[in-house]
Amino acid sequence: MRLASVLFASLLATSLIAAALVVRAKTPDLMVELSRLPGEVHDPATGERANHGFTPNGDGKRDAAHFTLFIRDDEPHATVAIVGPFLRKVRTLAKDVPLEKDQPVTYKWNGQTNSGKLAPPGNYRIEVILPTLDRDVVFPRRIALIRR
């Protein structure tokens, strides 16, 4: 009985590893590099970044968030957007745009929603949709929008 349990556990572990490798092989890498945001401070002691946010109030200081992204495979019909809480789309920055393999593309968000109004203060993230590659990615690093 013990041998059967060990064999079953080994077979299960091998199957899970094989499945993970197949999924990994078929899933394109999306590399999203987020450039330093306005108001972001790098702490050399810890190596961490503290984001004091950006303040799109028209004073010419920290009025926009800039970021750069690139992907590892060509995508002729990408969408780049800003999402808020519960991954609700706040602003579409680019729709149906080609992204070329390993070619950096820079976008800027001025804090406005699709309707042209200023988004409420809070944390936002970048969403990249790659329909041809059947992949959607939300970048985990947050962009803090602060009203001042």
C-alpha atoms as a PDB file:
ATOM      1  CA  MET A   1       0.000   0.000   0.000  1.00  0.00           C
ATOM      2  CA  ARG A   2       2.834   2.377   0.872  1.00  0.00           C
ATOM      3  CA  LEU A   3       4.574   1.699  -2.452  1.00  0.00           C
ATOM      4  CA  ALA A   4       1.374   2.536  -4.340  1.00  0.00           C
ATOM      5  CA  SER A   5       1.121   5.865  -2.467  1.00  0.00           C
ATOM      6  CA  VAL A   6       4.732   6.750  -3.258  1.00  0.00           C
ATOM      7  CA  LEU A   7       4.280   5.812  -6.922  1.00  0.00           C
ATOM      8  CA  PHE A   8       1.066   7.852  -7.125  1.00  0.00           C
ATOM      9  CA  ALA A   9       2.729  10.895  -5.511  1.00  0.00           C
ATOM     10  CA  SER A  10       5.717  10.614  -7.857  1.00  0.00           C
ATOM     11  CA  LEU A  11       3.500  10.299 -10.916  1.00  0.00           C
ATOM     12  CA  LEU A  12       1.389  13.254  -9.797  1.00  0.00           C
ATOM     13  CA  ALA A  13       4.470  15.437  -9.183  1.00  0.00           C
ATOM     14  CA  THR A  14       5.936  14.496 -12.575  1.00  0.00           C
ATOM     15  CA  SER A  15       2.647  15.297 -14.311  1.00  0.00           C
ATOM     16  CA  LEU A  16       2.402  18.695 -12.618  1.00  0.00           C
ATOM     17  CA  ILE A  17       5.971  19.584 -13.561  1.00  0.00           C
ATOM     18  CA  ALA A  18       5.388  18.514 -17.166  1.00  0.00           C
ATOM     19  CA  ALA A  19       2.158  20.545 -17.338  1.00  0.00           C
ATOM     20  CA  ALA A  20       3.911  23.621 -15.943  1.00  0.00           C
ATOM     21  CA  LEU A  21       6.705  23.288 -18.512  1.00  0.00           C
ATOM     22  CA  VAL A  22       4.221  22.977 -21.374  1.00  0.00           C
ATOM     23  CA  VAL A  23       2.272  26.031 -20.198  1.00  0.00           C
ATOM     24  CA  ARG A  24       5.509  27.985 -19.755  1.00  0.00           C
ATOM     25  CA  ALA A  25       6.717  27.013 -23.225  1.00  0.00           C
ATOM     26  CA  LYS A  26       3.448  28.165 -24.813  1.00  0.00           C
ATOM     27  CA  THR A  27       3.144  31.388 -22.799  1.00  0.00           C
ATOM     28  CA  PRO A  28       4.983  34.377 -24.227  1.00  0.00           C
ATOM     29  CA  ASP A  29       7.093  36.430 -21.880  1.00  0.00           C
ATOM     30  CA  LEU A  30       5.867  39.947 -21.430  1.00  0.00           C
ATOM     31  CA  MET A  31       8.564  42.123 -20.075  1.00  0.00           C
ATOM     32  CA  VAL A  32       7.226  45.411 -18.819  1.00  0.00           C
ATOM     33  CA  GLU A  33       9.803  47.854 -17.679  1.00  0.00           C
ATOM     34  CA  LEU A  34       8.423  50.811 -15.791  1.00  0.00           C
ATOM     35  CA  SER A  35      10.642  53.852 -15.895  1.00  0.00           C
ATOM     36  CA  ARG A  36      11.158  56.025 -12.854  1.00  0.00           C
ATOM     37  CA  LEU A  37       7.925  57.817 -12.087  1.00  0.00           C
ATOM     38  CA  PRO A  38       7.745  61.478 -11.132  1.00  0.00           C
ATOM     39  CA  GLY A  39       8.051  61.709  -7.366  1.00  0.00           C
ATOM     40  CA  GLU A  40       9.649  58.300  -7.088  1.00  0.00           C
ATOM     41  CA  VAL A  41      12.623  58.073  -4.754  1.00  0.00           C
ATOM     42  CA  HIS A  42      15.228  55.316  -4.741  1.00  0.00           C
ATOM     43  CA  ASP A  43      16.567  54.341  -1.318  1.00  0.00           C
ATOM     44  CA  PRO A  44      20.191  53.228  -1.872  1.00  0.00           C
ATOM     45  CA  ALA A  45      20.322  51.568   1.558  1.00  0.00           C
ATOM     46  CA  THR A  46      17.481  49.126   0.842  1.00  0.00           C
ATOM     47  CA  GLY A  47      17.475  49.193  -2.954  1.00  0.00           C
ATOM     48  CA  GLU A  48      13.725  49.830  -2.855  1.00  0.00           C
ATOM     49  CA  ARG A  49      11.733  52.551  -4.536  1.00  0.00           C
ATOM     50  CA  ALA A  50       9.270  54.722  -2.692  1.00  0.00           C
ATOM     51  CA  ASN A  51       6.626  56.305  -4.862  1.00  0.00           C
ATOM     52  CA  HIS A  52       5.424  59.683  -3.708  1.00  0.00           C
ATOM     53  CA  GLY A  53       3.134  59.700  -6.725  1.00  0.00           C
ATOM     54  CA  PHE A  54       2.414  62.176  -9.422  1.00  0.00           C
ATOM     55  CA  THR A  55       0.185  65.204  -9.132  1.00  0.00           C
ATOM     56  CA  PRO A  56      -1.504  66.135 -12.426  1.00  0.00           C
ATOM     57  CA  ASN A  57      -2.529  69.618 -11.283  1.00  0.00           C
ATOM     58  CA  GLY A  58      -0.994  71.597 -14.143  1.00  0.00           C
ATOM     59  CA  ASP A  59       1.824  73.184 -12.147  1.00  0.00           C
ATOM     60  CA  GLY A  60       4.471  71.644 -14.409  1.00  0.00           C
ATOM     61  CA  LYS A  61       5.888  69.461 -11.634  1.00  0.00           C
ATOM     62  CA  ARG A  62       5.195  65.726 -11.581  1.00  0.00           C
ATOM     63  CA  ASP A  63       2.172  66.194 -13.864  1.00  0.00           C
ATOM     64  CA  ALA A  64       2.454  62.841 -15.685  1.00  0.00           C
ATOM     65  CA  ALA A  65       3.594  59.265 -15.240  1.00  0.00           C
ATOM     66  CA  HIS A  66       5.931  57.914 -17.933  1.00  0.00           C
ATOM     67  CA  PHE A  67       6.624  54.239 -18.468  1.00  0.00           C
ATOM     68  CA  THR A  68       8.356  52.052 -21.018  1.00  0.00           C
ATOM     69  CA  LEU A  69       7.410  48.514 -22.004  1.00  0.00           C
ATOM     70  CA  PHE A  70       8.619  45.849 -24.364  1.00  0.00           C
ATOM     71  CA  ILE A  71       7.590  42.289 -25.174  1.00  0.00           C
ATOM     72  CA  ARG A  72       9.530  39.221 -26.289  1.00  0.00           C
ATOM     73  CA  ASP A  73       7.304  38.315 -29.265  1.00  0.00           C
ATOM     74  CA  ASP A  74       5.679  40.509 -31.909  1.00  0.00           C
ATOM     75  CA  GLU A  75       2.078  41.541 -31.227  1.00  0.00           C
ATOM     76  CA  PRO A  76       0.334  43.407 -34.046  1.00  0.00           C
ATOM     77  CA  HIS A  77      -2.813  44.353 -32.089  1.00  0.00           C
ATOM     78  CA  ALA A  78      -1.855  45.291 -28.522  1.00  0.00           C
ATOM     79  CA  THR A  79      -3.825  47.497 -26.158  1.00  0.00           C
ATOM     80  CA  VAL A  80      -2.120  49.479 -23.399  1.00  0.00           C
ATOM     81  CA  ALA A  81      -4.312  50.854 -20.622  1.00  0.00           C
ATOM     82  CA  ILE A  82      -4.377  52.158 -17.080  1.00  0.00           C
ATOM     83  CA  VAL A  83      -6.552  50.195 -14.654  1.00  0.00           C
ATOM     84  CA  GLY A  84      -7.782  51.125 -11.206  1.00  0.00           C
ATOM     85  CA  PRO A  85      -9.383  49.169  -8.364  1.00  0.00           C
ATOM     86  CA  PHE A  86     -10.883  45.812  -9.366  1.00  0.00           C
ATOM     87  CA  LEU A  87      -8.941  46.125 -12.662  1.00  0.00           C
ATOM     88  CA  ARG A  88     -11.497  48.576 -14.054  1.00  0.00           C
ATOM     89  CA  LYS A  89     -10.135  50.309 -17.121  1.00  0.00           C
ATOM     90  CA  VAL A  90      -9.624  54.012 -16.409  1.00  0.00           C
ATOM     91  CA  ARG A  91      -7.790  55.121 -19.557  1.00  0.00           C
ATOM     92  CA  THR A  92      -6.854  53.416 -22.802  1.00  0.00           C
ATOM     93  CA  LEU A  93      -3.489  54.821 -23.852  1.00  0.00           C
ATOM     94  CA  ALA A  94      -3.162  52.847 -27.092  1.00  0.00           C
ATOM     95  CA  LYS A  95      -5.481  50.450 -28.881  1.00  0.00           C
ATOM     96  CA  ASP A  96      -4.688  48.048 -31.710  1.00  0.00           C
ATOM     97  CA  VAL A  97      -1.037  49.104 -31.820  1.00  0.00           C
ATOM     98  CA  PRO A  98       1.806  46.903 -33.033  1.00  0.00           C
ATOM     99  CA  LEU A  99       4.456  46.032 -30.472  1.00  0.00           C
ATOM    100  CA  GLU A 100       7.626  44.624 -31.946  1.00  0.00           C
ATOM    101  CA  LYS A 101       9.776  42.045 -30.238  1.00  0.00           C
ATOM    102  CA  ASP A 102      12.306  43.621 -27.848  1.00  0.00           C
ATOM    103  CA  GLN A 103      11.509  47.172 -29.059  1.00  0.00           C
ATOM    104  CA  PRO A 104      10.829  49.562 -26.153  1.00  0.00           C
ATOM    105  CA  VAL A 105       7.750  51.771 -26.409  1.00  0.00           C
ATOM    106  CA  THR A 106       7.159  54.697 -24.051  1.00  0.00           C
ATOM    107  CA  TYR A 107       3.748  55.923 -22.905  1.00  0.00           C
ATOM    108  CA  LYS A 108       2.655  58.825 -20.755  1.00  0.00           C
ATOM    109  CA  TRP A 109      -0.439  59.084 -18.558  1.00  0.00           C
ATOM    110  CA  ASN A 110      -1.584  62.525 -17.502  1.00  0.00           C
ATOM    111  CA  GLY A 111      -4.021  61.243 -14.887  1.00  0.00           C
ATOM    112  CA  GLN A 112      -7.099  61.648 -17.051  1.00  0.00           C
ATOM    113  CA  THR A 113      -9.808  59.064 -17.638  1.00  0.00           C
ATOM    114  CA  ASN A 114     -11.205  58.118 -21.045  1.00  0.00           C
ATOM    115  CA  SER A 115     -13.872  60.803 -20.560  1.00  0.00           C
ATOM    116  CA  GLY A 116     -11.202  63.492 -20.095  1.00  0.00           C
ATOM    117  CA  LYS A 117     -11.784  63.991 -16.378  1.00  0.00           C
ATOM    118  CA  LEU A 118      -9.046  63.695 -13.786  1.00  0.00           C
ATOM    119  CA  ALA A 119      -9.034  60.243 -12.196  1.00  0.00           C
ATOM    120  CA  PRO A 120      -9.600  60.152  -8.437  1.00  0.00           C
ATOM    121  CA  PRO A 121      -6.560  59.884  -6.173  1.00  0.00           C
ATOM    122  CA  GLY A 122      -5.397  56.327  -5.698  1.00  0.00           C
ATOM    123  CA  ASN A 123      -3.202  53.563  -7.006  1.00  0.00           C
ATOM    124  CA  TYR A 124      -3.333  52.539 -10.644  1.00  0.00           C
ATOM    125  CA  ARG A 125      -1.567  49.910 -12.732  1.00  0.00           C
ATOM    126  CA  ILE A 126      -0.641  49.261 -16.343  1.00  0.00           C
ATOM    127  CA  GLU A 127      -2.550  46.638 -18.322  1.00  0.00           C
ATOM    128  CA  VAL A 128      -1.243  45.235 -21.603  1.00  0.00           C
ATOM    129  CA  ILE A 129      -3.541  43.087 -23.736  1.00  0.00           C
ATOM    130  CA  LEU A 130      -1.950  40.863 -26.388  1.00  0.00           C
ATOM    131  CA  PRO A 131      -4.856  39.282 -28.290  1.00  0.00           C
ATOM    132  CA  THR A 132      -2.786  37.446 -30.919  1.00  0.00           C
ATOM    133  CA  LEU A 133      -0.689  35.882 -28.157  1.00  0.00           C
ATOM    134  CA  ASP A 134      -3.839  35.263 -26.067  1.00  0.00           C
ATOM    135  CA  ARG A 135      -2.350  37.052 -23.076  1.00  0.00           C
ATOM    136  CA  ASP A 136      -3.372  39.888 -20.743  1.00  0.00           C
ATOM    137  CA  VAL A 137      -0.917  41.239 -18.205  1.00  0.00           C
ATOM    138  CA  VAL A 138      -1.398  43.715 -15.386  1.00  0.00           C
ATOM    139  CA  PHE A 139       1.910  45.068 -14.166  1.00  0.00           C
ATOM    140  CA  PRO A 140       2.090  44.690 -10.362  1.00  0.00           C
ATOM    141  CA  ARG A 141       3.881  47.955  -9.610  1.00  0.00           C
ATOM    142  CA  ARG A 142       1.443  50.719  -8.787  1.00  0.00           C
ATOM    143  CA  ILE A 143       1.312  54.285 -10.054  1.00  0.00           C
ATOM    144  CA  ALA A 144       0.144  56.612  -7.288  1.00  0.00           C
ATOM    145  CA  LEU A 145      -2.025  59.541  -8.370  1.00  0.00           C
ATOM    146  CA  ILE A 146      -2.174  62.255  -5.701  1.00  0.00           C
ATOM    147  CA  ARG A 147      -4.218  65.437  -5.731  1.00  0.00           C
ATOM    148  CA  ARG A 148      -2.484  68.532  -4.435  1.00  0.00           C
END
